[in-house]
Amino acid sequence: MDARRVDLRGRVAVVTGSTRGLGLAMARLLGLHGATVVLASRSDAHLEAAVARLQREGISVSGCRCDVGEIAEVETLRDEALSRGTLDIWVNNAGASGIYGPTASTPVDDFARVVRTNILGTFHGSRVALPVFLAQGHGDLVNLYGQGDKGPVAQQNAYASSKRWVRQFTETLRRECKDTGVRVHGMNPGLVTTDLLRHVTAQSGYEGRLGALQVVVGLWGQPPETAAAPVLRLVTSDAAQFRYLTPARTLTRGVRSILTGRLRRANRMPLQISVVDAGVHERDGGRRAV
């Protein structure tokens, strides 16, 4: 696919969690190819800044404050898109990472926060977008996978298990929407060098294990603009069903990442690590920086 020839004029795209990082990169990419994009974030300040940035690039864009854990706010986001004339693309990108450490001492409210964003947020977005898509006979729903979507990841149970759920949920939706004209996609962007990856919280005693993350990101990390590129192929493919990242593509991208990553070994991504003492709630002063 020649990205320069992609024309999304007349299509409206919603991207959740889209005021920075990967979400903003995907929204920008869709907008640069003609789509009207609707940004979503819990922060009014971040929305204002992101909308202004895209407007300066000539992109048709609006913003809507939205906590994806609240179905009413996600419905408002849908209505904002429909006020622009239509709804053609919905990207469930908003995500939250959990505290690094064993499940047995993971703060309950932190686990619930990850579930609320990654699981409920994906369900809410899908639940409000799909009826619109099904009624009009077309639409592209994109759900974001992540580490753990294919198997367990120790010390990251909240995030990893939530992404495993997203994969299962997405595959089920794909079956339910077969032959309707609506396409459901799963996209795993890999390691993306965003704030979500840079700012890590660990349980006390486990922060020392995070040093290897800098090496891993040096080898496999990619900027948001690179990680966002596949979304364009997903929503413009002429295939009735489209699955992103076949084994061959995964292997090819992995080998390429390693080869280029080795050239970046000296450029370690600085981590900002906060430590939470097990059994101590954050609001009680249990979080400290290292």
C-alpha atoms as a PDB file:
ATOM      1  CA  MET A   1       0.000   0.000   0.000  1.00  0.00           C
ATOM      2  CA  ASP A   2       1.303   3.420  -0.976  1.00  0.00           C
ATOM      3  CA  ALA A   3       0.383   5.607   2.010  1.00  0.00           C
ATOM      4  CA  ARG A   4       0.714   8.711  -0.146  1.00  0.00           C
ATOM      5  CA  ARG A   5      -2.331   7.623  -2.184  1.00  0.00           C
ATOM      6  CA  VAL A   6      -4.614   6.919   0.765  1.00  0.00           C
ATOM      7  CA  ASP A   7      -7.607   9.245   0.791  1.00  0.00           C
ATOM      8  CA  LEU A   8      -9.796   9.235   3.910  1.00  0.00           C
ATOM      9  CA  ARG A   9     -11.747  12.387   3.087  1.00  0.00           C
ATOM     10  CA  GLY A  10     -15.362  12.100   4.161  1.00  0.00           C
ATOM     11  CA  ARG A  11     -14.567   9.618   6.941  1.00  0.00           C
ATOM     12  CA  VAL A  12     -14.727  10.420  10.665  1.00  0.00           C
ATOM     13  CA  ALA A  13     -12.385   8.641  13.057  1.00  0.00           C
ATOM     14  CA  VAL A  14     -12.435   8.463  16.859  1.00  0.00           C
ATOM     15  CA  VAL A  15      -9.225   7.596  18.705  1.00  0.00           C
ATOM     16  CA  THR A  16      -9.385   7.242  22.480  1.00  0.00           C
ATOM     17  CA  GLY A  17      -6.418   8.211  24.633  1.00  0.00           C
ATOM     18  CA  SER A  18      -5.254  10.374  21.755  1.00  0.00           C
ATOM     19  CA  THR A  19      -3.689  13.551  23.113  1.00  0.00           C
ATOM     20  CA  ARG A  20      -0.135  12.186  23.168  1.00  0.00           C
ATOM     21  CA  GLY A  21       1.996   9.170  22.339  1.00  0.00           C
ATOM     22  CA  LEU A  22       0.655   6.421  20.112  1.00  0.00           C
ATOM     23  CA  GLY A  23      -2.940   7.663  20.190  1.00  0.00           C
ATOM     24  CA  LEU A  24      -1.985  11.115  18.973  1.00  0.00           C
ATOM     25  CA  ALA A  25       0.269   9.600  16.304  1.00  0.00           C
ATOM     26  CA  MET A  26      -2.579   7.442  14.978  1.00  0.00           C
ATOM     27  CA  ALA A  27      -5.044  10.335  15.005  1.00  0.00           C
ATOM     28  CA  ARG A  28      -2.520  12.556  13.239  1.00  0.00           C
ATOM     29  CA  LEU A  29      -1.841   9.902  10.584  1.00  0.00           C
ATOM     30  CA  LEU A  30      -5.540   9.436   9.854  1.00  0.00           C
ATOM     31  CA  GLY A  31      -6.051  13.191   9.773  1.00  0.00           C
ATOM     32  CA  LEU A  32      -3.142  13.834   7.417  1.00  0.00           C
ATOM     33  CA  HIS A  33      -4.814  11.472   4.971  1.00  0.00           C
ATOM     34  CA  GLY A  34      -8.061  13.391   5.040  1.00  0.00           C
ATOM     35  CA  ALA A  35     -10.118  11.933   7.880  1.00  0.00           C
ATOM     36  CA  THR A  36     -11.910  14.169  10.342  1.00  0.00           C
ATOM     37  CA  VAL A  37     -10.580  13.029  13.710  1.00  0.00           C
ATOM     38  CA  VAL A  38     -12.081  13.249  17.176  1.00  0.00           C
ATOM     39  CA  LEU A  39      -9.585  13.168  20.029  1.00  0.00           C
ATOM     40  CA  ALA A  40     -10.477  11.898  23.487  1.00  0.00           C
ATOM     41  CA  SER A  41      -8.793  12.333  26.847  1.00  0.00           C
ATOM     42  CA  ARG A  42      -9.643  12.809  30.515  1.00  0.00           C
ATOM     43  CA  SER A  43      -7.623  16.037  30.534  1.00  0.00           C
ATOM     44  CA  ASP A  44      -9.100  19.235  29.121  1.00  0.00           C
ATOM     45  CA  ALA A  45      -5.664  20.826  29.003  1.00  0.00           C
ATOM     46  CA  HIS A  46      -4.175  17.938  27.027  1.00  0.00           C
ATOM     47  CA  LEU A  47      -7.146  18.000  24.655  1.00  0.00           C
ATOM     48  CA  GLU A  48      -6.791  21.693  23.981  1.00  0.00           C
ATOM     49  CA  ALA A  49      -3.075  21.376  23.249  1.00  0.00           C
ATOM     50  CA  ALA A  50      -3.470  18.332  20.992  1.00  0.00           C
ATOM     51  CA  VAL A  51      -6.364  19.799  19.015  1.00  0.00           C
ATOM     52  CA  ALA A  52      -4.400  23.014  18.467  1.00  0.00           C
ATOM     53  CA  ARG A  53      -1.356  21.063  17.298  1.00  0.00           C
ATOM     54  CA  LEU A  54      -3.298  19.089  14.692  1.00  0.00           C
ATOM     55  CA  GLN A  55      -5.209  22.142  13.549  1.00  0.00           C
ATOM     56  CA  ARG A  56      -1.892  23.855  12.807  1.00  0.00           C
ATOM     57  CA  GLU A  57      -1.173  20.974  10.424  1.00  0.00           C
ATOM     58  CA  GLY A  58      -4.437  21.559   8.583  1.00  0.00           C
ATOM     59  CA  ILE A  59      -6.241  18.554  10.063  1.00  0.00           C
ATOM     60  CA  SER A  60      -9.985  18.669  10.654  1.00  0.00           C
ATOM     61  CA  VAL A  61     -10.123  17.827  14.351  1.00  0.00           C
ATOM     62  CA  SER A  62     -12.192  18.241  17.492  1.00  0.00           C
ATOM     63  CA  GLY A  63     -11.776  17.040  21.051  1.00  0.00           C
ATOM     64  CA  CYS A  64     -14.072  15.486  23.616  1.00  0.00           C
ATOM     65  CA  ARG A  65     -13.312  14.953  27.266  1.00  0.00           C
ATOM     66  CA  CYS A  66     -13.874  11.274  27.965  1.00  0.00           C
ATOM     67  CA  ASP A  67     -13.141   8.757  30.686  1.00  0.00           C
ATOM     68  CA  VAL A  68     -13.501   5.456  28.817  1.00  0.00           C
ATOM     69  CA  GLY A  69     -14.424   3.735  32.068  1.00  0.00           C
ATOM     70  CA  GLU A  70     -17.729   5.663  32.039  1.00  0.00           C
ATOM     71  CA  ILE A  71     -20.191   4.459  29.405  1.00  0.00           C
ATOM     72  CA  ALA A  72     -22.101   7.756  29.406  1.00  0.00           C
ATOM     73  CA  GLU A  73     -18.938   9.680  28.531  1.00  0.00           C
ATOM     74  CA  VAL A  74     -18.111   7.227  25.734  1.00  0.00           C
ATOM     75  CA  GLU A  75     -21.617   7.739  24.347  1.00  0.00           C
ATOM     76  CA  THR A  76     -20.983  11.484  24.371  1.00  0.00           C
ATOM     77  CA  LEU A  77     -17.778  10.857  22.442  1.00  0.00           C
ATOM     78  CA  ARG A  78     -19.745   8.899  19.845  1.00  0.00           C
ATOM     79  CA  ASP A  79     -22.257  11.741  19.571  1.00  0.00           C
ATOM     80  CA  GLU A  80     -19.417  14.212  18.989  1.00  0.00           C
ATOM     81  CA  ALA A  81     -18.252  12.108  16.060  1.00  0.00           C
ATOM     82  CA  LEU A  82     -21.754  11.810  14.623  1.00  0.00           C
ATOM     83  CA  SER A  83     -22.151  15.582  14.858  1.00  0.00           C
ATOM     84  CA  ARG A  84     -19.356  15.748  12.301  1.00  0.00           C
ATOM     85  CA  GLY A  85     -21.589  13.843   9.871  1.00  0.00           C
ATOM     86  CA  THR A  86     -20.759  10.171  10.276  1.00  0.00           C
ATOM     87  CA  LEU A  87     -18.719   7.593  12.195  1.00  0.00           C
ATOM     88  CA  ASP A  88     -16.449   5.318  10.190  1.00  0.00           C
ATOM     89  CA  ILE A  89     -13.433   4.424  12.330  1.00  0.00           C
ATOM     90  CA  TRP A  90     -13.151   3.820  16.071  1.00  0.00           C
ATOM     91  CA  VAL A  91      -9.796   3.057  17.680  1.00  0.00           C
ATOM     92  CA  ASN A  92      -9.835   1.813  21.275  1.00  0.00           C
ATOM     93  CA  ASN A  93      -6.354   3.001  22.208  1.00  0.00           C
ATOM     94  CA  ALA A  94      -6.722   4.301  25.777  1.00  0.00           C
ATOM     95  CA  GLY A  95      -4.695   2.115  28.109  1.00  0.00           C
ATOM     96  CA  ALA A  96      -3.236   1.921  31.583  1.00  0.00           C
ATOM     97  CA  SER A  97      -0.241  -0.024  32.894  1.00  0.00           C
ATOM     98  CA  GLY A  98      -0.178  -1.659  36.290  1.00  0.00           C
ATOM     99  CA  ILE A  99       2.306  -1.666  39.148  1.00  0.00           C
ATOM    100  CA  TYR A 100       5.212  -4.029  38.491  1.00  0.00           C
ATOM    101  CA  GLY A 101       5.316  -6.823  41.046  1.00  0.00           C
ATOM    102  CA  PRO A 102       3.579 -10.003  42.216  1.00  0.00           C
ATOM    103  CA  THR A 103      -0.191 -10.278  42.112  1.00  0.00           C
ATOM    104  CA  ALA A 104      -0.374 -11.353  45.761  1.00  0.00           C
ATOM    105  CA  SER A 105       0.699  -7.886  46.905  1.00  0.00           C
ATOM    106  CA  THR A 106      -0.730  -5.777  44.075  1.00  0.00           C
ATOM    107  CA  PRO A 107      -2.904  -2.939  45.431  1.00  0.00           C
ATOM    108  CA  VAL A 108      -6.533  -3.779  44.731  1.00  0.00           C
ATOM    109  CA  ASP A 109      -7.388  -0.293  43.511  1.00  0.00           C
ATOM    110  CA  ASP A 110      -4.487  -0.354  41.038  1.00  0.00           C
ATOM    111  CA  PHE A 111      -5.621  -3.664  39.539  1.00  0.00           C
ATOM    112  CA  ALA A 112      -9.147  -2.255  39.271  1.00  0.00           C
ATOM    113  CA  ARG A 113      -7.800   0.887  37.537  1.00  0.00           C
ATOM    114  CA  VAL A 114      -6.150  -1.208  34.822  1.00  0.00           C
ATOM    115  CA  VAL A 115      -9.268  -3.329  34.337  1.00  0.00           C
ATOM    116  CA  ARG A 116     -11.448  -0.216  34.177  1.00  0.00           C
ATOM    117  CA  THR A 117      -9.404   1.359  31.397  1.00  0.00           C
ATOM    118  CA  ASN A 118      -8.148  -1.591  29.373  1.00  0.00           C
ATOM    119  CA  ILE A 119     -11.128  -3.926  29.648  1.00  0.00           C
ATOM    120  CA  LEU A 120     -14.159  -1.765  30.364  1.00  0.00           C
ATOM    121  CA  GLY A 121     -12.798   0.993  28.130  1.00  0.00           C
ATOM    122  CA  THR A 122     -12.444  -1.402  25.201  1.00  0.00           C
ATOM    123  CA  PHE A 123     -15.900  -2.835  25.832  1.00  0.00           C
ATOM    124  CA  HIS A 124     -17.518   0.596  26.141  1.00  0.00           C
ATOM    125  CA  GLY A 125     -15.919   1.860  22.936  1.00  0.00           C
ATOM    126  CA  SER A 126     -16.935  -1.249  21.045  1.00  0.00           C
ATOM    127  CA  ARG A 127     -20.419  -1.199  22.526  1.00  0.00           C
ATOM    128  CA  VAL A 128     -21.186   2.330  21.339  1.00  0.00           C
ATOM    129  CA  ALA A 129     -19.447   2.132  17.959  1.00  0.00           C
ATOM    130  CA  LEU A 130     -20.684  -1.233  16.717  1.00  0.00           C
ATOM    131  CA  PRO A 131     -24.430  -0.423  16.670  1.00  0.00           C
ATOM    132  CA  VAL A 132     -23.649   2.576  14.455  1.00  0.00           C
ATOM    133  CA  PHE A 133     -21.448   0.503  12.177  1.00  0.00           C
ATOM    134  CA  LEU A 134     -23.943  -2.347  11.932  1.00  0.00           C
ATOM    135  CA  ALA A 135     -26.832  -0.014  11.161  1.00  0.00           C
ATOM    136  CA  GLN A 136     -24.952   1.609   8.290  1.00  0.00           C
ATOM    137  CA  GLY A 137     -23.361  -1.618   7.062  1.00  0.00           C
ATOM    138  CA  HIS A 138     -19.750  -0.536   7.325  1.00  0.00           C
ATOM    139  CA  GLY A 139     -17.123   0.652   9.785  1.00  0.00           C
ATOM    140  CA  ASP A 140     -13.710  -0.256  11.164  1.00  0.00           C
ATOM    141  CA  LEU A 141     -13.199  -1.026  14.844  1.00  0.00           C
ATOM    142  CA  VAL A 142      -9.558  -1.262  15.974  1.00  0.00           C
ATOM    143  CA  ASN A 143      -8.626  -2.663  19.391  1.00  0.00           C
ATOM    144  CA  LEU A 144      -5.096  -2.380  20.735  1.00  0.00           C
ATOM    145  CA  TYR A 145      -3.319  -5.490  21.962  1.00  0.00           C
ATOM    146  CA  GLY A 146      -0.149  -5.435  24.053  1.00  0.00           C
ATOM    147  CA  GLN A 147       2.341  -7.484  26.011  1.00  0.00           C
ATOM    148  CA  GLY A 148       0.609 -10.532  27.434  1.00  0.00           C
ATOM    149  CA  ASP A 149      -2.021 -10.857  24.718  1.00  0.00           C
ATOM    150  CA  LYS A 150      -0.661 -14.298  23.804  1.00  0.00           C
ATOM    151  CA  GLY A 151       0.439 -15.570  27.200  1.00  0.00           C
ATOM    152  CA  PRO A 152       1.265 -14.804  30.840  1.00  0.00           C
ATOM    153  CA  VAL A 153       3.812 -12.181  31.889  1.00  0.00           C
ATOM    154  CA  ALA A 154       5.079 -12.499  35.455  1.00  0.00           C
ATOM    155  CA  GLN A 155       4.966  -9.380  37.664  1.00  0.00           C
ATOM    156  CA  GLN A 156       2.618  -7.678  35.161  1.00  0.00           C
ATOM    157  CA  ASN A 157      -0.548  -9.658  35.683  1.00  0.00           C
ATOM    158  CA  ALA A 158      -2.992  -6.748  35.593  1.00  0.00           C
ATOM    159  CA  TYR A 159      -1.807  -5.346  32.262  1.00  0.00           C
ATOM    160  CA  ALA A 160      -0.933  -8.655  30.603  1.00  0.00           C
ATOM    161  CA  SER A 161      -4.180 -10.397  31.486  1.00  0.00           C
ATOM    162  CA  SER A 162      -6.179  -7.362  30.362  1.00  0.00           C
ATOM    163  CA  LYS A 163      -4.511  -7.518  26.936  1.00  0.00           C
ATOM    164  CA  ARG A 164      -5.176 -11.255  26.735  1.00  0.00           C
ATOM    165  CA  TRP A 165      -8.823 -10.396  27.366  1.00  0.00           C
ATOM    166  CA  VAL A 166      -8.765  -7.737  24.626  1.00  0.00           C
ATOM    167  CA  ARG A 167      -7.492 -10.291  22.116  1.00  0.00           C
ATOM    168  CA  GLN A 168     -10.207 -12.815  23.023  1.00  0.00           C
ATOM    169  CA  PHE A 169     -12.868 -10.091  22.991  1.00  0.00           C
ATOM    170  CA  THR A 170     -11.722  -8.837  19.598  1.00  0.00           C
ATOM    171  CA  GLU A 171     -11.627 -12.295  18.021  1.00  0.00           C
ATOM    172  CA  THR A 172     -15.156 -12.904  19.287  1.00  0.00           C
ATOM    173  CA  LEU A 173     -16.386  -9.602  17.851  1.00  0.00           C
ATOM    174  CA  ARG A 174     -14.814 -10.472  14.525  1.00  0.00           C
ATOM    175  CA  ARG A 175     -16.867 -13.657  14.392  1.00  0.00           C
ATOM    176  CA  GLU A 176     -20.039 -11.877  15.439  1.00  0.00           C
ATOM    177  CA  CYS A 177     -19.585  -9.218  12.744  1.00  0.00           C
ATOM    178  CA  LYS A 178     -18.711 -11.597   9.920  1.00  0.00           C
ATOM    179  CA  ASP A 179     -20.533 -10.814   6.658  1.00  0.00           C
ATOM    180  CA  THR A 180     -22.036  -7.601   8.052  1.00  0.00           C
ATOM    181  CA  GLY A 181     -19.687  -5.182   6.287  1.00  0.00           C
ATOM    182  CA  VAL A 182     -18.226  -4.210   9.667  1.00  0.00           C
ATOM    183  CA  ARG A 183     -14.578  -5.083  10.205  1.00  0.00           C
ATOM    184  CA  VAL A 184     -12.981  -5.693  13.596  1.00  0.00           C
ATOM    185  CA  HIS A 185      -9.212  -5.461  13.836  1.00  0.00           C
ATOM    186  CA  GLY A 186      -6.617  -6.272  16.469  1.00  0.00           C
ATOM    187  CA  MET A 187      -3.370  -4.325  16.423  1.00  0.00           C
ATOM    188  CA  ASN A 188      -0.299  -4.946  18.552  1.00  0.00           C
ATOM    189  CA  PRO A 189       2.042  -1.962  18.119  1.00  0.00           C
ATOM    190  CA  GLY A 190       4.920  -3.579  20.009  1.00  0.00           C
ATOM    191  CA  LEU A 191       7.118  -1.552  22.344  1.00  0.00           C
ATOM    192  CA  VAL A 192       6.428   2.133  21.838  1.00  0.00           C
ATOM    193  CA  THR A 193       8.602   4.778  23.454  1.00  0.00           C
ATOM    194  CA  THR A 194       5.864   6.773  25.165  1.00  0.00           C
ATOM    195  CA  ASP A 195       5.249   8.068  28.676  1.00  0.00           C
ATOM    196  CA  LEU A 196       3.391   4.820  29.450  1.00  0.00           C
ATOM    197  CA  LEU A 197       6.678   2.988  29.007  1.00  0.00           C
ATOM    198  CA  ARG A 198       8.976   5.615  30.511  1.00  0.00           C
ATOM    199  CA  HIS A 199       7.100   6.091  33.784  1.00  0.00           C
ATOM    200  CA  VAL A 200       7.108   2.803  35.651  1.00  0.00           C
ATOM    201  CA  THR A 201       5.775   2.017  39.112  1.00  0.00           C
ATOM    202  CA  ALA A 202       7.092  -1.009  40.981  1.00  0.00           C
ATOM    203  CA  GLN A 203       6.352  -2.671  44.260  1.00  0.00           C
ATOM    204  CA  SER A 204       9.071  -2.207  46.853  1.00  0.00           C
ATOM    205  CA  GLY A 205      11.858  -4.727  46.343  1.00  0.00           C
ATOM    206  CA  TYR A 206      11.107  -5.221  42.649  1.00  0.00           C
ATOM    207  CA  GLU A 207      12.381  -1.927  41.255  1.00  0.00           C
ATOM    208  CA  GLY A 208      15.846  -3.401  40.695  1.00  0.00           C
ATOM    209  CA  ARG A 209      14.488  -5.811  38.113  1.00  0.00           C
ATOM    210  CA  LEU A 210      13.482  -2.999  35.777  1.00  0.00           C
ATOM    211  CA  GLY A 211      17.006  -2.183  34.607  1.00  0.00           C
ATOM    212  CA  ALA A 212      16.707  -4.729  31.805  1.00  0.00           C
ATOM    213  CA  LEU A 213      13.759  -2.776  30.418  1.00  0.00           C
ATOM    214  CA  GLN A 214      16.134  -0.102  29.165  1.00  0.00           C
ATOM    215  CA  VAL A 215      18.031  -2.717  27.157  1.00  0.00           C
ATOM    216  CA  VAL A 216      14.831  -4.257  25.778  1.00  0.00           C
ATOM    217  CA  VAL A 217      13.488  -0.897  24.695  1.00  0.00           C
ATOM    218  CA  GLY A 218      16.845  -0.034  23.148  1.00  0.00           C
ATOM    219  CA  LEU A 219      16.523  -3.132  20.966  1.00  0.00           C
ATOM    220  CA  TRP A 220      12.793  -3.206  20.283  1.00  0.00           C
ATOM    221  CA  GLY A 221      11.393   0.231  21.039  1.00  0.00           C
ATOM    222  CA  GLN A 222       9.994   2.351  18.245  1.00  0.00           C
ATOM    223  CA  PRO A 223       8.691   5.915  18.129  1.00  0.00           C
ATOM    224  CA  PRO A 224       4.910   6.458  18.105  1.00  0.00           C
ATOM    225  CA  GLU A 225       4.952   7.599  14.480  1.00  0.00           C
ATOM    226  CA  THR A 226       6.416   4.266  13.373  1.00  0.00           C
ATOM    227  CA  ALA A 227       4.163   2.191  15.614  1.00  0.00           C
ATOM    228  CA  ALA A 228       1.071   4.025  14.351  1.00  0.00           C
ATOM    229  CA  ALA A 229       1.653   3.276  10.666  1.00  0.00           C
ATOM    230  CA  PRO A 230      -0.216  -0.094  10.486  1.00  0.00           C
ATOM    231  CA  VAL A 231      -3.534   1.517  11.470  1.00  0.00           C
ATOM    232  CA  LEU A 232      -3.673   3.114   8.040  1.00  0.00           C
ATOM    233  CA  ARG A 233      -3.432  -0.264   6.351  1.00  0.00           C
ATOM    234  CA  LEU A 234      -6.084  -1.727   8.619  1.00  0.00           C
ATOM    235  CA  VAL A 235      -8.763   0.830   7.813  1.00  0.00           C
ATOM    236  CA  THR A 236      -8.016   1.036   4.079  1.00  0.00           C
ATOM    237  CA  SER A 237      -7.639  -2.634   3.210  1.00  0.00           C
ATOM    238  CA  ASP A 238     -10.196  -3.883   0.691  1.00  0.00           C
ATOM    239  CA  ALA A 239     -10.332  -7.288   2.417  1.00  0.00           C
ATOM    240  CA  ALA A 240     -13.643  -8.305   3.961  1.00  0.00           C
ATOM    241  CA  GLN A 241     -11.748  -9.587   7.002  1.00  0.00           C
ATOM    242  CA  PHE A 242      -8.346  -8.254   7.976  1.00  0.00           C
ATOM    243  CA  ARG A 243      -5.954  -9.604  10.596  1.00  0.00           C
ATOM    244  CA  TYR A 244      -2.943  -7.547  11.522  1.00  0.00           C
ATOM    245  CA  LEU A 245       0.461  -9.167  12.132  1.00  0.00           C
ATOM    246  CA  THR A 246       0.606 -12.564  10.511  1.00  0.00           C
ATOM    247  CA  PRO A 247       3.478 -14.739  11.814  1.00  0.00           C
ATOM    248  CA  ALA A 248       5.574 -13.824   8.763  1.00  0.00           C
ATOM    249  CA  ARG A 249       5.113 -10.107   9.315  1.00  0.00           C
ATOM    250  CA  THR A 250       5.834 -10.481  13.002  1.00  0.00           C
ATOM    251  CA  LEU A 251       9.106 -12.292  12.307  1.00  0.00           C
ATOM    252  CA  THR A 252      10.142  -9.825   9.635  1.00  0.00           C
ATOM    253  CA  ARG A 253       9.479  -6.860  11.876  1.00  0.00           C
ATOM    254  CA  GLY A 254      11.227  -8.533  14.794  1.00  0.00           C
ATOM    255  CA  VAL A 255      14.406  -9.218  12.849  1.00  0.00           C
ATOM    256  CA  ARG A 256      14.406  -5.683  11.474  1.00  0.00           C
ATOM    257  CA  SER A 257      13.894  -4.250  14.952  1.00  0.00           C
ATOM    258  CA  ILE A 258      16.819  -6.217  16.344  1.00  0.00           C
ATOM    259  CA  LEU A 259      19.138  -5.187  13.541  1.00  0.00           C
ATOM    260  CA  THR A 260      18.317  -1.505  13.885  1.00  0.00           C
ATOM    261  CA  GLY A 261      18.059  -1.761  17.652  1.00  0.00           C
ATOM    262  CA  ARG A 262      21.628  -2.912  18.007  1.00  0.00           C
ATOM    263  CA  LEU A 263      22.682   0.412  16.560  1.00  0.00           C
ATOM    264  CA  ARG A 264      20.823   2.138  19.398  1.00  0.00           C
ATOM    265  CA  ARG A 265      22.349   0.231  22.304  1.00  0.00           C
ATOM    266  CA  ALA A 266      24.121   3.338  23.543  1.00  0.00           C
ATOM    267  CA  ASN A 267      20.826   5.230  23.657  1.00  0.00           C
ATOM    268  CA  ARG A 268      19.199   3.810  26.753  1.00  0.00           C
ATOM    269  CA  MET A 269      15.730   5.155  27.414  1.00  0.00           C
ATOM    270  CA  PRO A 270      15.763   6.873  30.831  1.00  0.00           C
ATOM    271  CA  LEU A 271      13.173   5.409  33.178  1.00  0.00           C
ATOM    272  CA  GLN A 272      11.290   7.255  35.865  1.00  0.00           C
ATOM    273  CA  ILE A 273      10.596   4.599  38.489  1.00  0.00           C
ATOM    274  CA  SER A 274       8.249   5.103  41.406  1.00  0.00           C
ATOM    275  CA  VAL A 275       8.088   2.553  44.202  1.00  0.00           C
ATOM    276  CA  VAL A 276       4.977   1.542  46.112  1.00  0.00           C
ATOM    277  CA  ASP A 277       5.426  -0.198  49.436  1.00  0.00           C
ATOM    278  CA  ALA A 278       3.302  -3.344  49.443  1.00  0.00           C
ATOM    279  CA  GLY A 279       0.206  -3.003  51.574  1.00  0.00           C
ATOM    280  CA  VAL A 280       0.434   0.786  51.747  1.00  0.00           C
ATOM    281  CA  HIS A 281      -2.099   2.774  49.746  1.00  0.00           C
ATOM    282  CA  GLU A 282      -0.787   5.569  47.551  1.00  0.00           C
ATOM    283  CA  ARG A 283      -2.896   8.206  49.229  1.00  0.00           C
ATOM    284  CA  ASP A 284      -1.298   7.191  52.532  1.00  0.00           C
ATOM    285  CA  GLY A 285       2.135   8.101  51.248  1.00  0.00           C
ATOM    286  CA  GLY A 286       3.200   4.682  50.003  1.00  0.00           C
ATOM    287  CA  ARG A 287       4.642   5.911  46.685  1.00  0.00           C
ATOM    288  CA  ARG A 288       8.225   7.147  46.423  1.00  0.00           C
ATOM    289  CA  ALA A 289      10.536   7.934  43.516  1.00  0.00           C
ATOM    290  CA  VAL A 290      13.869   6.214  42.950  1.00  0.00           C
END
